[in-house]
Amino acid sequence: MIKADKDLRDIIKNENHGPMALFDFFPLLRDCLLGLCFMHKNNIVHRDIKPQNILKLVTNEYVISDYGEGINLNDAEKYAGIEY
């Protein structure tokens, strides 16, 4: 099991020395976009993307966590009337 080092909120709060360096920003952007693309290809909507739900692993990779608000659009009849 790979452990998370911190979440994006902690990175923003503790490393607030100006804008994030491009060297650090591009892996964050890449990993989040790949995660969102994977979810959307599989008809999953997260519905709660925020800094606390983006974790930085000790391997310097970023993952999206906390799918408690997420829905699977394949089960759309369950979610009739819910605003997305």
N, C-alpha and C. Protein backbone atom coordinates (compact mmCIF):
# COMPACT_ATOMS: atom_id res chain seq x y z
N MET A 1 0.84 -1.16 0.00
CA MET A 1 0.00 0.00 0.00
C MET A 1 0.90 1.24 0.00
N ILE A 2 0.57 2.19 -0.86
CA ILE A 2 1.32 3.44 -0.94
C ILE A 2 0.65 4.46 -0.03
N LYS A 3 1.44 5.17 0.73
CA LYS A 3 0.89 6.13 1.68
C LYS A 3 0.92 7.54 1.11
N ALA A 4 -0.07 8.33 1.54
CA ALA A 4 -0.12 9.73 1.14
C ALA A 4 0.77 10.54 2.07
N ASP A 5 1.51 11.45 1.48
CA ASP A 5 2.39 12.32 2.22
C ASP A 5 1.61 13.49 2.81
N LYS A 6 0.75 14.12 1.99
CA LYS A 6 -0.07 15.26 2.41
C LYS A 6 -1.13 15.50 1.35
N ASP A 7 -2.06 16.38 1.66
CA ASP A 7 -3.05 16.74 0.65
C ASP A 7 -2.72 18.12 0.08
N LEU A 8 -3.39 18.46 -1.00
CA LEU A 8 -3.09 19.70 -1.70
C LEU A 8 -3.34 20.92 -0.82
N ARG A 9 -4.31 20.85 0.07
CA ARG A 9 -4.57 21.96 1.00
C ARG A 9 -3.34 22.22 1.86
N ASP A 10 -2.71 21.17 2.37
CA ASP A 10 -1.50 21.33 3.19
C ASP A 10 -0.35 21.90 2.36
N ILE A 11 -0.24 21.47 1.12
CA ILE A 11 0.82 21.98 0.25
C ILE A 11 0.63 23.48 0.02
N ILE A 12 -0.60 23.89 -0.25
CA ILE A 12 -0.88 25.30 -0.49
C ILE A 12 -0.64 26.11 0.79
N LYS A 13 -1.09 25.59 1.92
CA LYS A 13 -0.99 26.32 3.18
C LYS A 13 0.46 26.41 3.68
N ASN A 14 1.19 25.32 3.64
CA ASN A 14 2.52 25.28 4.23
C ASN A 14 3.63 25.74 3.29
N GLU A 15 3.38 25.72 2.03
CA GLU A 15 4.42 26.10 1.08
C GLU A 15 4.02 27.36 0.34
N ASN A 16 3.38 28.28 1.03
CA ASN A 16 2.86 29.48 0.41
C ASN A 16 3.98 30.52 0.28
N HIS A 17 4.96 30.21 -0.55
CA HIS A 17 6.08 31.11 -0.81
C HIS A 17 5.92 31.75 -2.17
N GLY A 18 4.71 31.95 -2.61
CA GLY A 18 4.45 32.46 -3.95
C GLY A 18 3.83 31.36 -4.78
N PRO A 19 3.76 31.57 -6.08
CA PRO A 19 3.13 30.57 -6.96
C PRO A 19 3.90 29.25 -6.95
N MET A 20 3.16 28.18 -7.17
CA MET A 20 3.78 26.86 -7.25
C MET A 20 4.69 26.82 -8.48
N ALA A 21 5.85 26.26 -8.34
CA ALA A 21 6.80 26.15 -9.46
C ALA A 21 6.23 25.23 -10.54
N LEU A 22 6.52 25.53 -11.79
CA LEU A 22 6.04 24.70 -12.89
C LEU A 22 6.51 23.26 -12.73
N PHE A 23 7.70 23.08 -12.20
CA PHE A 23 8.24 21.74 -11.97
C PHE A 23 7.32 20.93 -11.06
N ASP A 24 6.67 21.60 -10.11
CA ASP A 24 5.74 20.94 -9.18
C ASP A 24 4.31 20.92 -9.72
N PHE A 25 3.95 21.93 -10.50
CA PHE A 25 2.57 22.06 -10.96
C PHE A 25 2.20 21.05 -12.04
N PHE A 26 3.08 20.80 -12.99
CA PHE A 26 2.74 19.92 -14.11
C PHE A 26 2.41 18.49 -13.68
N PRO A 27 3.15 17.87 -12.75
CA PRO A 27 2.74 16.53 -12.29
C PRO A 27 1.37 16.54 -11.62
N LEU A 28 1.08 17.59 -10.85
CA LEU A 28 -0.24 17.72 -10.22
C LEU A 28 -1.33 17.79 -11.27
N LEU A 29 -1.15 18.65 -12.25
CA LEU A 29 -2.14 18.81 -13.30
C LEU A 29 -2.31 17.52 -14.10
N ARG A 30 -1.19 16.90 -14.49
CA ARG A 30 -1.24 15.66 -15.27
C ARG A 30 -1.99 14.57 -14.52
N ASP A 31 -1.62 14.34 -13.26
CA ASP A 31 -2.23 13.25 -12.50
C ASP A 31 -3.71 13.49 -12.25
N CYS A 32 -4.09 14.73 -11.97
CA CYS A 32 -5.52 15.03 -11.74
C CYS A 32 -6.32 14.86 -13.03
N LEU A 33 -5.78 15.33 -14.14
CA LEU A 33 -6.50 15.18 -15.42
C LEU A 33 -6.62 13.71 -15.82
N LEU A 34 -5.57 12.94 -15.61
CA LEU A 34 -5.65 11.51 -15.92
C LEU A 34 -6.70 10.82 -15.04
N GLY A 35 -6.75 11.18 -13.76
CA GLY A 35 -7.75 10.61 -12.87
C GLY A 35 -9.17 10.97 -13.26
N LEU A 36 -9.38 12.25 -13.59
CA LEU A 36 -10.72 12.68 -14.01
C LEU A 36 -11.13 12.03 -15.33
N CYS A 37 -10.19 11.92 -16.27
CA CYS A 37 -10.50 11.25 -17.55
C CYS A 37 -10.89 9.80 -17.32
N PHE A 38 -10.17 9.11 -16.45
CA PHE A 38 -10.49 7.72 -16.15
C PHE A 38 -11.89 7.61 -15.55
N MET A 39 -12.19 8.48 -14.60
CA MET A 39 -13.52 8.44 -13.97
C MET A 39 -14.61 8.70 -15.00
N HIS A 40 -14.43 9.72 -15.82
CA HIS A 40 -15.49 10.09 -16.76
C HIS A 40 -15.65 9.05 -17.86
N LYS A 41 -14.57 8.39 -18.26
CA LYS A 41 -14.69 7.30 -19.24
C LYS A 41 -15.49 6.13 -18.66
N ASN A 42 -15.47 6.03 -17.33
CA ASN A 42 -16.20 4.96 -16.65
C ASN A 42 -17.51 5.46 -16.05
N ASN A 43 -17.99 6.62 -16.54
CA ASN A 43 -19.28 7.19 -16.15
C ASN A 43 -19.39 7.48 -14.65
N ILE A 44 -18.27 7.89 -14.05
CA ILE A 44 -18.28 8.26 -12.63
C ILE A 44 -18.07 9.77 -12.54
N VAL A 45 -18.90 10.42 -11.72
CA VAL A 45 -18.76 11.85 -11.46
C VAL A 45 -18.40 12.00 -9.99
N HIS A 46 -17.29 12.66 -9.70
CA HIS A 46 -16.79 12.78 -8.33
C HIS A 46 -17.65 13.72 -7.48
N ARG A 47 -17.96 14.89 -7.97
CA ARG A 47 -18.82 15.90 -7.36
C ARG A 47 -18.26 16.56 -6.11
N ASP A 48 -17.00 16.34 -5.76
CA ASP A 48 -16.43 17.00 -4.59
C ASP A 48 -14.92 17.21 -4.76
N ILE A 49 -14.50 17.68 -5.93
CA ILE A 49 -13.09 17.95 -6.16
C ILE A 49 -12.72 19.23 -5.41
N LYS A 50 -11.76 19.13 -4.52
CA LYS A 50 -11.25 20.26 -3.76
C LYS A 50 -9.86 19.88 -3.27
N PRO A 51 -9.07 20.86 -2.82
CA PRO A 51 -7.69 20.55 -2.42
C PRO A 51 -7.57 19.44 -1.38
N GLN A 52 -8.51 19.34 -0.44
CA GLN A 52 -8.43 18.29 0.58
C GLN A 52 -8.57 16.89 -0.01
N ASN A 53 -9.15 16.78 -1.20
CA ASN A 53 -9.38 15.47 -1.81
C ASN A 53 -8.35 15.13 -2.88
N ILE A 54 -7.30 15.91 -2.97
CA ILE A 54 -6.19 15.60 -3.87
C ILE A 54 -4.99 15.30 -2.99
N LEU A 55 -4.54 14.06 -3.00
CA LEU A 55 -3.47 13.62 -2.12
C LEU A 55 -2.17 13.51 -2.88
N LYS A 56 -1.08 13.91 -2.24
CA LYS A 56 0.26 13.72 -2.80
C LYS A 56 0.86 12.50 -2.12
N LEU A 57 1.20 11.52 -2.91
CA LEU A 57 1.78 10.29 -2.37
C LEU A 57 3.27 10.49 -2.10
N VAL A 58 3.83 9.60 -1.30
CA VAL A 58 5.27 9.67 -1.02
C VAL A 58 6.09 9.44 -2.29
N THR A 59 5.46 8.91 -3.33
CA THR A 59 6.12 8.70 -4.62
C THR A 59 6.05 9.94 -5.51
N ASN A 60 5.55 11.05 -4.95
CA ASN A 60 5.36 12.33 -5.66
C ASN A 60 4.32 12.26 -6.77
N GLU A 61 3.40 11.33 -6.65
CA GLU A 61 2.26 11.25 -7.55
C GLU A 61 1.05 11.81 -6.81
N TYR A 62 0.06 12.29 -7.56
CA TYR A 62 -1.16 12.83 -6.98
C TYR A 62 -2.32 11.91 -7.32
N VAL A 63 -3.21 11.72 -6.36
CA VAL A 63 -4.41 10.91 -6.58
C VAL A 63 -5.63 11.65 -6.05
N ILE A 64 -6.77 11.33 -6.61
CA ILE A 64 -8.03 11.92 -6.17
C ILE A 64 -8.66 10.95 -5.18
N SER A 65 -9.12 11.48 -4.06
CA SER A 65 -9.69 10.63 -3.01
C SER A 65 -11.10 11.09 -2.67
N ASP A 66 -11.73 10.38 -1.76
CA ASP A 66 -13.04 10.70 -1.19
C ASP A 66 -14.15 10.71 -2.24
N TYR A 67 -14.63 9.54 -2.55
CA TYR A 67 -15.69 9.40 -3.55
C TYR A 67 -17.07 9.33 -2.91
N GLY A 68 -17.20 9.81 -1.69
CA GLY A 68 -18.48 9.74 -0.97
C GLY A 68 -19.61 10.48 -1.65
N GLU A 69 -19.32 11.55 -2.35
CA GLU A 69 -20.35 12.32 -3.06
C GLU A 69 -20.48 11.87 -4.52
N GLY A 70 -19.60 10.97 -4.94
CA GLY A 70 -19.59 10.54 -6.34
C GLY A 70 -20.79 9.70 -6.71
N ILE A 71 -21.09 9.73 -8.00
CA ILE A 71 -22.18 8.90 -8.51
C ILE A 71 -21.72 8.19 -9.77
N ASN A 72 -22.31 7.05 -10.02
CA ASN A 72 -22.08 6.29 -11.24
C ASN A 72 -23.26 6.56 -12.16
N LEU A 73 -22.97 7.19 -13.29
CA LEU A 73 -24.05 7.56 -14.20
C LEU A 73 -24.71 6.35 -14.86
N ASN A 74 -24.11 5.18 -14.74
CA ASN A 74 -24.77 3.97 -15.24
C ASN A 74 -26.00 3.64 -14.41
N ASP A 75 -26.05 4.18 -13.20
CA ASP A 75 -27.20 4.00 -12.31
C ASP A 75 -28.05 5.25 -12.30
N ALA A 76 -28.23 5.89 -13.43
CA ALA A 76 -28.87 7.21 -13.53
C ALA A 76 -30.28 7.23 -12.95
N GLU A 77 -31.01 6.13 -13.03
CA GLU A 77 -32.39 6.14 -12.53
C GLU A 77 -32.42 6.37 -11.02
N LYS A 78 -31.35 6.01 -10.30
CA LYS A 78 -31.27 6.26 -8.87
C LYS A 78 -31.14 7.73 -8.56
N TYR A 79 -30.59 8.48 -9.52
CA TYR A 79 -30.24 9.88 -9.26
C TYR A 79 -31.17 10.86 -9.96
N ALA A 80 -32.32 10.43 -10.34
CA ALA A 80 -33.28 11.34 -10.99
C ALA A 80 -33.59 12.49 -10.04
N GLY A 81 -33.50 13.71 -10.54
CA GLY A 81 -33.80 14.88 -9.75
C GLY A 81 -32.61 15.47 -9.01
N ILE A 82 -31.47 14.81 -9.00
CA ILE A 82 -30.28 15.34 -8.35
C ILE A 82 -29.58 16.27 -9.31
N GLU A 83 -29.20 17.46 -8.82
CA GLU A 83 -28.48 18.40 -9.66
C GLU A 83 -27.01 18.06 -9.65
N TYR A 84 -26.38 18.12 -10.80
CA TYR A 84 -24.95 17.78 -10.92
C TYR A 84 -24.13 19.01 -10.92
